[in-house]
Structures are given as structure tokens and as C-alpha cells.
């Protein structure tokens, strides 16, 4: 009986190691591809769901990334960060808040979201599936230290080595999904700054 348990244990260990190796290979290719771009312009659907509270909310957004700089445009706000200052424009109030960029407080900021797998997470390969005509590889990430999210699920386009979908699972049954709907790279983009003249009558609140 002990021999059977030993064999089963070794078999399970081998399978888990193989899954982890596949996950590492997928993430390594994803990282290499992502770092090869000078900049990225990403269109996405943001979906928040909590089945326990019967909530489902959807917004569309556009994210422009270059190095540590980003511009995030959504229905109700625009966030711009140039690595030193961050502007948060609230559409319904026609108000912009300006604050200093804090590199210690941006783990979930947009420019970190698409490289979240690189630090602070263990990973395992779940499998491959078809989604919207693409073959995607599913990887679950689990934080090494306890935080706001208990799991992050990545769906990686197997043909392009690009992120297709990111879903973050919180401890209260909520999921935050970013589904990528368009992607382009190495574009000519505008400076990462807020131009008040583009927003007549905007109220500026400088918190720096």
C-alpha cells in the first residue's frame, strides 16, 4: 500500500512540475513579447461582477503604455501619469486632481497590470481553450503574500504571445476582468500630460 501511495505521490509531483514549467514558458514568452514594444495602445472591456450581490458592470477603456508612463481613458475618468505627476480627470465634475506619483503605491496601477505576473506571484498552468476564435492558454497566479486579490487568472493568446484577458478575484466574491478588444504597438503618441485648455472651465485641484 505504501508503494502505491509513493508512486501516486511521485506521479502527482511530476504532473505539477510539468504544469509549472509550461506556465513559466508561457509567461517568459509573454514577457519577452511585451518588452519588445516601445509602446502599446490597448482597447479593452472592463467587467466587474459579484454574483453574491447580483452586480455586473461593464465599461470600455483605452490604455496607452510607454515605459513607466500611461494614459487610461474610461467612461467616467481619465488618468495620466508621466512618472513624476499623476492627473485624474473626473468627467462628470469637469475636475482634475493633480498629485505626485508614488512608486510605492502603484502595484495595481495600469502600467503594472500588464506585467503583474513578473513579481510576487506563484503560478500554475490550467490548460488551453478556444475563445473568440483564438487559442488561449490559461494560467492562475497566486500571491506570495496576502493582499486584496486571492487569485489572478491570465488568458494568453498562444499565437501572438499577448495577453487576451486578465481576471482578478477578490476575497468577497468579486471579479475584475480586463478583456482586450484591440491592440497596437510602436505608435506615435502624444506626451503624457494633462492639457487644461482641452477642457474649457475645468477645475484644477493641485495636491502636490
N, C-alpha and C. Protein backbone atom coordinates (compact mmCIF):
# COMPACT_ATOMS: atom_id res chain seq x y z
N UNK A 1 0.83 -1.21 0.00
CA UNK A 1 0.00 0.00 0.00
C UNK A 1 0.86 1.26 0.00
N UNK A 2 1.94 1.23 0.82
CA UNK A 2 2.84 2.37 0.88
C UNK A 2 3.48 2.64 -0.48
N UNK A 3 3.78 1.55 -1.21
CA UNK A 3 4.39 1.72 -2.54
C UNK A 3 3.41 2.42 -3.49
N UNK A 4 2.12 2.07 -3.37
CA UNK A 4 1.11 2.70 -4.24
C UNK A 4 1.03 4.19 -3.94
N UNK A 5 1.01 4.54 -2.64
CA UNK A 5 0.97 5.95 -2.28
C UNK A 5 2.21 6.69 -2.76
N UNK A 6 3.36 6.03 -2.67
CA UNK A 6 4.60 6.64 -3.12
C UNK A 6 4.57 6.90 -4.62
N UNK A 7 4.09 5.92 -5.37
CA UNK A 7 4.00 6.06 -6.82
C UNK A 7 3.03 7.19 -7.19
N UNK A 8 1.87 7.21 -6.51
CA UNK A 8 0.88 8.26 -6.79
C UNK A 8 1.44 9.64 -6.45
N UNK A 9 2.17 9.73 -5.36
CA UNK A 9 2.76 10.99 -4.95
C UNK A 9 3.79 11.48 -5.96
N UNK A 10 4.63 10.56 -6.42
CA UNK A 10 5.64 10.92 -7.41
C UNK A 10 5.00 11.34 -8.73
N UNK A 11 3.94 10.61 -9.12
CA UNK A 11 3.24 10.95 -10.36
C UNK A 11 2.62 12.34 -10.29
N UNK A 12 1.97 12.62 -9.15
CA UNK A 12 1.35 13.93 -8.95
C UNK A 12 2.41 15.03 -8.96
N UNK A 13 3.53 14.79 -8.31
CA UNK A 13 4.61 15.78 -8.28
C UNK A 13 5.13 16.07 -9.68
N UNK A 14 5.26 14.99 -10.47
CA UNK A 14 5.75 15.15 -11.85
C UNK A 14 4.77 15.97 -12.69
N UNK A 15 3.47 15.70 -12.52
CA UNK A 15 2.46 16.44 -13.27
C UNK A 15 2.47 17.92 -12.88
N UNK A 16 2.53 18.20 -11.57
CA UNK A 16 2.54 19.58 -11.10
C UNK A 16 3.77 20.32 -11.58
N UNK A 17 4.92 19.64 -11.57
CA UNK A 17 6.16 20.26 -12.06
C UNK A 17 6.03 20.59 -13.54
N UNK A 18 5.46 19.66 -14.30
CA UNK A 18 5.29 19.89 -15.74
C UNK A 18 4.35 21.07 -15.99
N UNK A 19 3.27 21.17 -15.20
CA UNK A 19 2.33 22.28 -15.35
C UNK A 19 3.01 23.61 -15.04
N UNK A 20 3.82 23.62 -13.96
CA UNK A 20 4.53 24.84 -13.60
C UNK A 20 5.52 25.24 -14.69
N UNK A 21 6.15 24.25 -15.30
CA UNK A 21 7.13 24.54 -16.36
C UNK A 21 6.44 25.11 -17.59
N UNK A 22 5.28 24.57 -17.95
CA UNK A 22 4.51 25.11 -19.07
C UNK A 22 4.11 26.56 -18.78
N UNK A 23 3.63 26.80 -17.56
CA UNK A 23 3.24 28.16 -17.17
C UNK A 23 4.43 29.11 -17.27
N UNK A 24 5.59 28.67 -16.79
CA UNK A 24 6.79 29.51 -16.86
C UNK A 24 7.16 29.82 -18.30
N UNK A 25 7.10 28.83 -19.17
CA UNK A 25 7.43 29.04 -20.59
C UNK A 25 6.48 30.05 -21.22
N UNK A 26 5.18 29.93 -20.93
CA UNK A 26 4.19 30.86 -21.49
C UNK A 26 4.46 32.27 -20.98
N UNK A 27 4.72 32.42 -19.67
CA UNK A 27 4.96 33.74 -19.09
C UNK A 27 6.26 34.35 -19.59
N UNK A 28 7.28 33.52 -19.79
CA UNK A 28 8.56 34.02 -20.33
C UNK A 28 8.37 34.58 -21.74
N UNK A 29 7.62 33.87 -22.57
CA UNK A 29 7.35 34.35 -23.93
C UNK A 29 6.51 35.62 -23.91
N UNK A 30 5.53 35.65 -23.01
CA UNK A 30 4.69 36.83 -22.87
C UNK A 30 5.52 38.04 -22.46
N UNK A 31 6.41 37.85 -21.49
CA UNK A 31 7.27 38.93 -21.02
C UNK A 31 8.20 39.43 -22.12
N UNK A 32 8.79 38.51 -22.86
CA UNK A 32 9.70 38.89 -23.95
C UNK A 32 8.97 39.70 -25.02
N UNK A 33 7.77 39.25 -25.38
CA UNK A 33 6.98 39.96 -26.40
C UNK A 33 6.59 41.34 -25.90
N UNK A 34 6.10 41.43 -24.66
CA UNK A 34 5.65 42.71 -24.12
C UNK A 34 6.80 43.71 -24.06
N UNK A 35 7.98 43.27 -23.64
CA UNK A 35 9.13 44.17 -23.52
C UNK A 35 9.73 44.57 -24.87
N UNK A 36 9.32 43.90 -25.93
CA UNK A 36 9.85 44.24 -27.25
C UNK A 36 9.16 45.47 -27.84
N UNK A 37 8.03 45.89 -27.26
CA UNK A 37 7.30 47.04 -27.78
C UNK A 37 7.81 48.33 -27.16
N UNK A 38 7.94 49.35 -27.98
CA UNK A 38 8.28 50.68 -27.46
C UNK A 38 7.11 51.24 -26.67
N UNK A 39 5.92 51.05 -27.20
CA UNK A 39 4.71 51.47 -26.50
C UNK A 39 3.57 50.57 -26.95
N UNK A 40 2.46 50.62 -26.21
CA UNK A 40 1.30 49.81 -26.53
C UNK A 40 0.03 50.65 -26.37
N UNK A 41 -0.91 50.47 -27.28
CA UNK A 41 -2.24 51.07 -27.17
C UNK A 41 -3.25 49.93 -27.13
N UNK A 42 -3.98 49.86 -26.02
CA UNK A 42 -4.83 48.70 -25.74
C UNK A 42 -6.27 49.14 -25.54
N UNK A 43 -7.18 48.63 -26.35
CA UNK A 43 -8.60 48.82 -26.11
C UNK A 43 -9.12 47.63 -25.32
N UNK A 44 -10.01 47.88 -24.37
CA UNK A 44 -10.46 46.79 -23.52
C UNK A 44 -11.87 47.04 -23.01
N UNK A 45 -12.51 45.95 -22.61
CA UNK A 45 -13.75 45.99 -21.85
C UNK A 45 -13.40 45.67 -20.41
N UNK A 46 -13.87 46.50 -19.50
CA UNK A 46 -13.68 46.24 -18.07
C UNK A 46 -15.00 45.75 -17.50
N UNK A 47 -14.99 44.58 -16.88
CA UNK A 47 -16.21 43.97 -16.36
C UNK A 47 -16.03 43.67 -14.88
N UNK A 48 -16.88 44.26 -14.05
CA UNK A 48 -16.89 43.93 -12.62
C UNK A 48 -18.13 43.10 -12.32
N UNK A 49 -17.91 41.95 -11.68
CA UNK A 49 -19.02 41.07 -11.34
C UNK A 49 -18.92 40.62 -9.88
N UNK A 50 -20.07 40.53 -9.24
CA UNK A 50 -20.17 39.89 -7.93
C UNK A 50 -21.51 39.18 -7.88
N UNK A 51 -21.48 37.87 -8.10
CA UNK A 51 -22.74 37.11 -8.18
C UNK A 51 -23.47 37.09 -6.84
N UNK A 52 -22.71 37.19 -5.73
CA UNK A 52 -23.35 37.20 -4.41
C UNK A 52 -24.23 38.43 -4.22
N UNK A 53 -23.83 39.53 -4.85
CA UNK A 53 -24.58 40.78 -4.72
C UNK A 53 -25.36 41.12 -5.99
N UNK A 54 -25.38 40.18 -6.93
CA UNK A 54 -26.11 40.37 -8.19
C UNK A 54 -25.67 41.65 -8.91
N UNK A 55 -24.35 41.82 -9.02
CA UNK A 55 -23.77 43.00 -9.67
C UNK A 55 -23.03 42.59 -10.93
N UNK A 56 -23.25 43.32 -12.00
CA UNK A 56 -22.43 43.19 -13.21
C UNK A 56 -22.39 44.54 -13.89
N UNK A 57 -21.19 45.12 -13.95
CA UNK A 57 -20.99 46.43 -14.54
C UNK A 57 -19.91 46.34 -15.61
N UNK A 58 -20.13 47.04 -16.72
CA UNK A 58 -19.19 46.99 -17.84
C UNK A 58 -18.85 48.41 -18.31
N UNK A 59 -17.58 48.64 -18.54
CA UNK A 59 -17.11 49.90 -19.14
C UNK A 59 -16.11 49.57 -20.24
N UNK A 60 -15.98 50.48 -21.17
CA UNK A 60 -14.94 50.38 -22.19
C UNK A 60 -13.81 51.33 -21.84
N UNK A 61 -12.61 50.98 -22.26
CA UNK A 61 -11.48 51.84 -21.97
C UNK A 61 -10.38 51.72 -22.99
N UNK A 62 -9.48 52.70 -22.97
CA UNK A 62 -8.28 52.68 -23.81
C UNK A 62 -7.09 52.97 -22.90
N UNK A 63 -6.06 52.16 -23.01
CA UNK A 63 -4.86 52.32 -22.20
C UNK A 63 -3.66 52.46 -23.12
N UNK A 64 -2.89 53.53 -22.90
CA UNK A 64 -1.65 53.75 -23.64
C UNK A 64 -0.49 53.62 -22.65
N UNK A 65 0.46 52.77 -22.97
CA UNK A 65 1.60 52.49 -22.08
C UNK A 65 2.91 52.76 -22.81
N UNK A 66 3.82 53.43 -22.12
CA UNK A 66 5.20 53.57 -22.63
C UNK A 66 6.13 53.70 -21.43
N UNK A 67 7.02 52.74 -21.25
CA UNK A 67 7.90 52.69 -20.08
C UNK A 67 7.03 52.75 -18.83
N UNK A 68 7.31 53.70 -17.93
CA UNK A 68 6.53 53.84 -16.70
C UNK A 68 5.36 54.81 -16.86
N UNK A 69 5.18 55.35 -18.04
CA UNK A 69 4.13 56.34 -18.28
C UNK A 69 2.87 55.66 -18.81
N UNK A 70 1.72 56.24 -18.48
CA UNK A 70 0.48 55.69 -19.02
C UNK A 70 -0.61 56.74 -19.10
N UNK A 71 -1.58 56.47 -19.97
CA UNK A 71 -2.81 57.25 -20.06
C UNK A 71 -3.96 56.25 -20.14
N UNK A 72 -4.89 56.37 -19.20
CA UNK A 72 -6.04 55.48 -19.13
C UNK A 72 -7.31 56.30 -19.32
N UNK A 73 -8.06 56.00 -20.36
CA UNK A 73 -9.32 56.69 -20.62
C UNK A 73 -10.48 55.72 -20.44
N UNK A 74 -11.44 56.09 -19.57
CA UNK A 74 -12.64 55.31 -19.37
C UNK A 74 -13.86 56.24 -19.43
N UNK A 75 -15.04 55.66 -19.26
CA UNK A 75 -16.26 56.46 -19.43
C UNK A 75 -16.32 57.64 -18.47
N UNK A 76 -15.91 57.43 -17.22
CA UNK A 76 -16.11 58.45 -16.20
C UNK A 76 -14.85 59.18 -15.76
N UNK A 77 -13.68 58.74 -16.24
CA UNK A 77 -12.46 59.41 -15.83
C UNK A 77 -11.31 59.12 -16.78
N UNK A 78 -10.31 60.01 -16.70
CA UNK A 78 -9.06 59.82 -17.43
C UNK A 78 -7.92 59.98 -16.44
N UNK A 79 -6.97 59.05 -16.47
CA UNK A 79 -5.81 59.11 -15.58
C UNK A 79 -4.55 59.17 -16.45
N UNK A 80 -3.71 60.15 -16.17
CA UNK A 80 -2.45 60.31 -16.91
C UNK A 80 -1.30 60.35 -15.91
N UNK A 81 -0.24 59.63 -16.22
CA UNK A 81 0.92 59.58 -15.33
C UNK A 81 2.19 59.67 -16.16
N UNK A 82 3.06 60.64 -15.81
CA UNK A 82 4.32 60.79 -16.54
C UNK A 82 5.53 60.34 -15.74
N UNK A 83 5.27 59.60 -14.65
CA UNK A 83 6.36 59.12 -13.81
C UNK A 83 6.70 60.05 -12.68
N UNK A 84 6.27 61.32 -12.76
CA UNK A 84 6.50 62.29 -11.70
C UNK A 84 5.19 62.81 -11.12
N UNK A 85 4.23 63.09 -12.00
CA UNK A 85 2.92 63.59 -11.57
C UNK A 85 1.82 62.71 -12.15
N UNK A 86 0.69 62.71 -11.46
CA UNK A 86 -0.48 61.98 -11.94
C UNK A 86 -1.69 62.90 -11.94
N UNK A 87 -2.40 62.90 -13.07
CA UNK A 87 -3.60 63.70 -13.24
C UNK A 87 -4.80 62.75 -13.28
N UNK A 88 -5.82 63.05 -12.49
CA UNK A 88 -7.06 62.28 -12.50
C UNK A 88 -8.19 63.23 -12.88
N UNK A 89 -8.71 63.06 -14.09
CA UNK A 89 -9.78 63.92 -14.58
C UNK A 89 -11.11 63.20 -14.42
N UNK A 90 -12.05 63.86 -13.70
CA UNK A 90 -13.38 63.30 -13.47
C UNK A 90 -14.35 63.95 -14.44
N UNK A 91 -14.89 63.15 -15.34
CA UNK A 91 -15.68 63.67 -16.45
C UNK A 91 -16.93 64.40 -15.99
N UNK A 92 -17.71 63.78 -15.09
CA UNK A 92 -19.00 64.37 -14.72
C UNK A 92 -18.85 65.66 -13.90
N UNK A 93 -17.69 65.86 -13.27
CA UNK A 93 -17.46 67.06 -12.46
C UNK A 93 -16.61 68.10 -13.19
N UNK A 94 -16.07 67.73 -14.36
CA UNK A 94 -15.12 68.58 -15.09
C UNK A 94 -14.05 69.10 -14.14
N UNK A 95 -13.42 68.14 -13.44
CA UNK A 95 -12.42 68.46 -12.42
C UNK A 95 -11.21 67.57 -12.62
N UNK A 96 -10.03 68.15 -12.42
CA UNK A 96 -8.79 67.36 -12.48
C UNK A 96 -8.03 67.52 -11.18
N UNK A 97 -7.61 66.39 -10.62
CA UNK A 97 -6.79 66.39 -9.42
C UNK A 97 -5.37 66.02 -9.82
N UNK A 98 -4.41 66.78 -9.32
CA UNK A 98 -3.00 66.55 -9.64
C UNK A 98 -2.28 66.14 -8.37
N UNK A 99 -1.54 65.05 -8.43
CA UNK A 99 -0.80 64.58 -7.27
C UNK A 99 0.55 64.05 -7.71
N UNK A 100 1.46 63.94 -6.75
CA UNK A 100 2.77 63.37 -7.06
C UNK A 100 2.65 61.87 -7.29
N UNK A 101 3.43 61.37 -8.22
CA UNK A 101 3.47 59.93 -8.46
C UNK A 101 4.18 59.24 -7.31
N UNK A 102 3.55 58.20 -6.77
CA UNK A 102 4.14 57.44 -5.68
C UNK A 102 4.43 56.02 -6.16
N UNK A 103 5.71 55.71 -6.45
CA UNK A 103 6.03 54.37 -6.98
C UNK A 103 5.77 53.25 -5.99
N UNK A 104 5.63 53.58 -4.70
CA UNK A 104 5.37 52.55 -3.69
C UNK A 104 3.89 52.20 -3.58
N UNK A 105 3.05 52.97 -4.27
CA UNK A 105 1.60 52.80 -4.09
C UNK A 105 0.91 52.53 -5.42
N UNK A 106 1.60 51.82 -6.33
CA UNK A 106 1.01 51.65 -7.66
C UNK A 106 1.03 50.21 -8.14
N UNK A 107 0.94 49.25 -7.22
CA UNK A 107 1.00 47.85 -7.63
C UNK A 107 -0.12 47.50 -8.59
N UNK A 108 -1.30 48.11 -8.40
CA UNK A 108 -2.43 47.81 -9.26
C UNK A 108 -2.66 48.90 -10.30
N UNK A 109 -1.68 49.79 -10.49
CA UNK A 109 -1.85 50.84 -11.48
C UNK A 109 -1.78 50.23 -12.88
N UNK A 110 -2.34 50.91 -13.88
CA UNK A 110 -2.41 50.31 -15.22
C UNK A 110 -1.08 49.87 -15.79
N UNK A 111 -0.01 50.62 -15.53
CA UNK A 111 1.28 50.23 -16.11
C UNK A 111 1.88 49.00 -15.44
N UNK A 112 1.35 48.60 -14.27
CA UNK A 112 1.80 47.37 -13.62
C UNK A 112 0.89 46.19 -13.95
N UNK A 113 -0.36 46.51 -14.31
CA UNK A 113 -1.35 45.45 -14.50
C UNK A 113 -0.92 44.44 -15.56
N UNK A 114 -0.32 44.91 -16.64
CA UNK A 114 0.01 44.02 -17.75
C UNK A 114 1.36 43.32 -17.58
N UNK A 115 2.01 43.56 -16.43
CA UNK A 115 3.22 42.79 -16.10
C UNK A 115 3.09 42.25 -14.67
N UNK A 116 1.87 42.08 -14.20
CA UNK A 116 1.61 41.67 -12.82
C UNK A 116 2.26 40.32 -12.50
N UNK A 117 2.42 39.48 -13.50
CA UNK A 117 2.93 38.12 -13.31
C UNK A 117 4.42 38.07 -13.01
N UNK A 118 5.12 39.20 -13.14
CA UNK A 118 6.57 39.16 -13.06
C UNK A 118 7.11 39.13 -11.62
N UNK A 119 6.29 39.50 -10.65
CA UNK A 119 6.82 39.61 -9.29
C UNK A 119 5.72 39.36 -8.26
N UNK A 120 6.05 38.56 -7.26
CA UNK A 120 5.17 38.39 -6.11
C UNK A 120 4.07 37.36 -6.27
N UNK A 121 4.14 36.53 -7.32
CA UNK A 121 3.09 35.53 -7.55
C UNK A 121 3.69 34.16 -7.87
N UNK A 122 3.04 33.13 -7.35
CA UNK A 122 3.27 31.77 -7.81
C UNK A 122 2.31 31.50 -8.96
N UNK A 123 2.62 30.53 -9.79
CA UNK A 123 1.77 30.32 -10.96
C UNK A 123 1.59 28.83 -11.23
N UNK A 124 0.47 28.54 -11.91
CA UNK A 124 0.22 27.16 -12.33
C UNK A 124 -0.53 27.19 -13.65
N UNK A 125 -0.26 26.22 -14.50
CA UNK A 125 -0.90 26.13 -15.81
C UNK A 125 -2.23 25.40 -15.67
N UNK A 126 -3.30 26.02 -16.15
CA UNK A 126 -4.64 25.44 -16.05
C UNK A 126 -4.98 24.63 -17.28
N UNK A 127 -4.65 25.16 -18.46
CA UNK A 127 -4.96 24.45 -19.70
C UNK A 127 -5.16 25.43 -20.84
N UNK A 128 -5.55 24.91 -21.99
CA UNK A 128 -5.81 25.73 -23.18
C UNK A 128 -7.27 25.60 -23.58
N UNK A 129 -7.80 26.68 -24.15
CA UNK A 129 -9.19 26.66 -24.60
C UNK A 129 -9.36 27.63 -25.75
N UNK A 130 -10.47 27.50 -26.45
CA UNK A 130 -10.78 28.40 -27.56
C UNK A 130 -11.65 29.53 -27.04
N UNK A 131 -11.32 30.75 -27.44
CA UNK A 131 -12.10 31.91 -27.03
C UNK A 131 -12.07 32.95 -28.13
N UNK A 132 -13.25 33.28 -28.66
CA UNK A 132 -13.38 34.27 -29.73
C UNK A 132 -12.45 33.95 -30.90
N UNK A 133 -12.40 32.67 -31.27
CA UNK A 133 -11.61 32.25 -32.41
C UNK A 133 -10.12 32.16 -32.15
N UNK A 134 -9.71 32.30 -30.89
CA UNK A 134 -8.29 32.23 -30.54
C UNK A 134 -8.04 31.05 -29.61
N UNK A 135 -6.84 30.51 -29.71
CA UNK A 135 -6.41 29.51 -28.73
C UNK A 135 -5.70 30.25 -27.62
N UNK A 136 -6.25 30.17 -26.42
CA UNK A 136 -5.65 30.88 -25.30
C UNK A 136 -5.19 29.88 -24.25
N UNK A 137 -4.09 30.22 -23.61
CA UNK A 137 -3.54 29.40 -22.54
C UNK A 137 -3.86 30.06 -21.21
N UNK A 138 -4.43 29.30 -20.29
CA UNK A 138 -4.91 29.84 -19.03
C UNK A 138 -3.90 29.55 -17.93
N UNK A 139 -3.53 30.60 -17.20
CA UNK A 139 -2.59 30.48 -16.09
C UNK A 139 -3.19 31.17 -14.87
N UNK A 140 -3.15 30.49 -13.74
CA UNK A 140 -3.58 31.09 -12.48
C UNK A 140 -2.36 31.57 -11.70
N UNK A 141 -2.46 32.79 -11.17
CA UNK A 141 -1.43 33.36 -10.31
C UNK A 141 -1.96 33.45 -8.89
N UNK A 142 -1.12 33.10 -7.92
CA UNK A 142 -1.50 33.17 -6.51
C UNK A 142 -0.47 34.03 -5.78
N UNK A 143 -0.92 35.05 -5.06
CA UNK A 143 0.04 35.95 -4.40
C UNK A 143 0.86 35.24 -3.34
N UNK A 144 2.14 35.56 -3.29
CA UNK A 144 3.02 35.01 -2.26
C UNK A 144 2.63 35.56 -0.90
N UNK A 145 2.25 36.83 -0.85
CA UNK A 145 1.79 37.46 0.39
C UNK A 145 0.32 37.84 0.24
N UNK A 146 -0.41 37.76 1.33
CA UNK A 146 -1.84 38.07 1.30
C UNK A 146 -2.05 39.53 0.92
N UNK A 147 -3.05 39.76 0.07
CA UNK A 147 -3.35 41.12 -0.37
C UNK A 147 -4.81 41.23 -0.75
N UNK A 148 -5.12 42.22 -1.57
CA UNK A 148 -6.51 42.48 -1.95
C UNK A 148 -7.09 41.36 -2.80
N UNK A 149 -6.23 40.70 -3.59
CA UNK A 149 -6.72 39.67 -4.51
C UNK A 149 -6.16 38.30 -4.14
N UNK A 150 -7.04 37.31 -4.16
CA UNK A 150 -6.63 35.95 -3.79
C UNK A 150 -6.14 35.15 -4.99
N UNK A 151 -6.51 35.60 -6.19
CA UNK A 151 -6.07 34.90 -7.41
C UNK A 151 -6.19 35.84 -8.60
N UNK A 152 -5.28 35.67 -9.55
CA UNK A 152 -5.35 36.38 -10.82
C UNK A 152 -5.26 35.34 -11.93
N UNK A 153 -6.20 35.39 -12.88
CA UNK A 153 -6.21 34.46 -13.99
C UNK A 153 -5.84 35.19 -15.28
N UNK A 154 -4.84 34.66 -15.97
CA UNK A 154 -4.41 35.21 -17.26
C UNK A 154 -4.83 34.29 -18.38
N UNK A 155 -5.33 34.87 -19.47
CA UNK A 155 -5.56 34.13 -20.71
C UNK A 155 -4.62 34.73 -21.76
N UNK A 156 -3.70 33.93 -22.25
CA UNK A 156 -2.65 34.40 -23.16
C UNK A 156 -2.90 33.87 -24.57
N UNK A 157 -2.93 34.76 -25.53
CA UNK A 157 -3.08 34.38 -26.93
C UNK A 157 -1.87 33.54 -27.33
N UNK A 158 -2.08 32.27 -27.62
CA UNK A 158 -0.98 31.35 -27.87
C UNK A 158 -0.23 31.68 -29.16
N UNK A 159 -0.93 32.22 -30.14
CA UNK A 159 -0.30 32.51 -31.43
C UNK A 159 0.56 33.78 -31.38
N UNK A 160 0.11 34.77 -30.62
CA UNK A 160 0.79 36.07 -30.61
C UNK A 160 1.62 36.31 -29.35
N UNK A 161 1.50 35.43 -28.36
CA UNK A 161 2.17 35.63 -27.07
C UNK A 161 1.80 36.99 -26.48
N UNK A 162 0.50 37.30 -26.52
CA UNK A 162 -0.02 38.54 -25.97
C UNK A 162 -1.15 38.23 -24.99
N UNK A 163 -1.33 39.13 -24.03
CA UNK A 163 -2.45 38.97 -23.11
C UNK A 163 -3.77 39.14 -23.84
N UNK A 164 -4.70 38.26 -23.56
CA UNK A 164 -6.04 38.35 -24.12
C UNK A 164 -7.05 38.77 -23.05
N UNK A 165 -6.82 38.31 -21.84
CA UNK A 165 -7.76 38.61 -20.76
C UNK A 165 -7.07 38.48 -19.41
N UNK A 166 -7.41 39.37 -18.48
CA UNK A 166 -6.92 39.31 -17.11
C UNK A 166 -8.14 39.37 -16.19
N UNK A 167 -8.23 38.44 -15.24
CA UNK A 167 -9.31 38.46 -14.26
C UNK A 167 -8.72 38.38 -12.86
N UNK A 168 -9.07 39.36 -12.03
CA UNK A 168 -8.61 39.39 -10.64
C UNK A 168 -9.78 39.03 -9.73
N UNK A 169 -9.53 38.12 -8.80
CA UNK A 169 -10.56 37.62 -7.89
C UNK A 169 -10.29 38.16 -6.49
N UNK A 170 -11.25 38.92 -5.94
CA UNK A 170 -11.05 39.41 -4.57
C UNK A 170 -11.63 38.43 -3.56
N UNK A 171 -11.48 38.76 -2.29
CA UNK A 171 -11.85 37.84 -1.22
C UNK A 171 -13.34 37.89 -0.90
N UNK A 172 -14.07 38.80 -1.55
CA UNK A 172 -15.50 38.95 -1.28
C UNK A 172 -16.37 38.43 -2.42
N UNK A 173 -15.77 37.65 -3.32
CA UNK A 173 -16.53 37.08 -4.43
C UNK A 173 -16.60 37.96 -5.66
N UNK A 174 -15.87 39.06 -5.66
CA UNK A 174 -15.87 39.95 -6.81
C UNK A 174 -14.79 39.59 -7.81
N UNK A 175 -15.08 39.79 -9.09
CA UNK A 175 -14.08 39.59 -10.14
C UNK A 175 -13.97 40.85 -10.98
N UNK A 176 -12.74 41.18 -11.35
CA UNK A 176 -12.44 42.36 -12.15
C UNK A 176 -11.74 41.87 -13.41
N UNK A 177 -12.44 41.97 -14.54
CA UNK A 177 -11.91 41.40 -15.78
C UNK A 177 -11.59 42.50 -16.78
N UNK A 178 -10.39 42.41 -17.36
CA UNK A 178 -9.98 43.27 -18.46
C UNK A 178 -9.88 42.38 -19.70
N UNK A 179 -10.82 42.55 -20.63
CA UNK A 179 -10.83 41.78 -21.86
C UNK A 179 -10.32 42.66 -22.99
N UNK A 180 -9.19 42.29 -23.56
CA UNK A 180 -8.57 43.12 -24.58
C UNK A 180 -9.32 42.96 -25.91
N UNK A 181 -9.76 44.09 -26.46
CA UNK A 181 -10.54 44.09 -27.69
C UNK A 181 -9.76 44.62 -28.88
N UNK A 182 -8.69 45.36 -28.65
CA UNK A 182 -7.84 45.85 -29.74
C UNK A 182 -6.43 46.09 -29.19
N UNK A 183 -5.46 45.99 -30.08
CA UNK A 183 -4.06 46.15 -29.65
C UNK A 183 -3.23 46.68 -30.81
N UNK A 184 -2.40 47.67 -30.53
CA UNK A 184 -1.39 48.14 -31.49
C UNK A 184 -0.16 48.56 -30.71
N UNK A 185 0.96 48.62 -31.39
CA UNK A 185 2.22 48.93 -30.71
C UNK A 185 3.09 49.84 -31.56
N UNK A 186 4.08 50.45 -30.89
CA UNK A 186 5.08 51.28 -31.54
C UNK A 186 4.45 52.41 -32.36
N UNK A 187 3.44 53.06 -31.76
CA UNK A 187 2.77 54.16 -32.42
C UNK A 187 3.43 55.49 -32.06
N UNK A 188 3.09 56.54 -32.81
CA UNK A 188 3.45 57.89 -32.43
C UNK A 188 2.38 58.39 -31.47
N UNK A 189 2.76 58.71 -30.26
CA UNK A 189 1.79 59.08 -29.24
C UNK A 189 2.09 60.46 -28.67
N UNK A 190 1.07 61.07 -28.09
CA UNK A 190 1.21 62.41 -27.51
C UNK A 190 1.91 62.31 -26.16
N UNK A 191 2.50 63.43 -25.69
CA UNK A 191 3.14 63.43 -24.36
C UNK A 191 2.14 63.06 -23.27
N UNK A 192 2.66 62.45 -22.21
CA UNK A 192 1.81 62.04 -21.10
C UNK A 192 1.65 63.21 -20.13
N UNK A 193 0.73 64.11 -20.46
CA UNK A 193 0.46 65.26 -19.62
C UNK A 193 -0.98 65.70 -19.84
N UNK A 194 -1.53 66.42 -18.88
CA UNK A 194 -2.90 66.91 -18.97
C UNK A 194 -2.88 68.35 -19.45
N UNK A 195 -3.58 68.63 -20.55
CA UNK A 195 -3.65 69.97 -21.11
C UNK A 195 -5.00 70.57 -20.76
N UNK A 196 -5.01 71.49 -19.81
CA UNK A 196 -6.26 72.07 -19.31
C UNK A 196 -7.02 72.81 -20.39
N UNK A 197 -6.33 73.31 -21.41
CA UNK A 197 -7.02 74.07 -22.47
C UNK A 197 -7.94 73.18 -23.30
N UNK A 198 -7.75 71.86 -23.21
CA UNK A 198 -8.64 70.94 -23.93
C UNK A 198 -9.95 70.71 -23.19
N UNK A 199 -10.05 71.26 -21.96
CA UNK A 199 -11.25 71.05 -21.13
C UNK A 199 -11.72 72.41 -20.60
N UNK A 200 -12.44 73.17 -21.41
CA UNK A 200 -12.88 74.51 -21.00
C UNK A 200 -13.63 74.50 -19.66
N UNK A 201 -13.24 75.40 -18.77
CA UNK A 201 -13.91 75.51 -17.48
C UNK A 201 -13.49 74.48 -16.46
N UNK A 202 -12.48 73.65 -16.74
CA UNK A 202 -12.08 72.60 -15.82
C UNK A 202 -11.58 73.20 -14.50
N UNK A 203 -11.96 72.58 -13.40
CA UNK A 203 -11.46 72.98 -12.09
C UNK A 203 -10.20 72.17 -11.79
N UNK A 204 -9.12 72.88 -11.47
CA UNK A 204 -7.83 72.23 -11.21
C UNK A 204 -7.57 72.21 -9.72
N UNK A 205 -7.38 71.03 -9.16
CA UNK A 205 -7.06 70.86 -7.75
C UNK A 205 -5.67 70.24 -7.66
N UNK A 206 -4.69 71.07 -7.30
CA UNK A 206 -3.30 70.64 -7.25
C UNK A 206 -2.96 70.17 -5.83
N UNK A 207 -2.72 68.88 -5.68
CA UNK A 207 -2.45 68.29 -4.37
C UNK A 207 -0.96 67.99 -4.17
N UNK A 208 -0.12 68.49 -5.05
CA UNK A 208 1.30 68.20 -4.93
C UNK A 208 1.95 69.03 -3.83
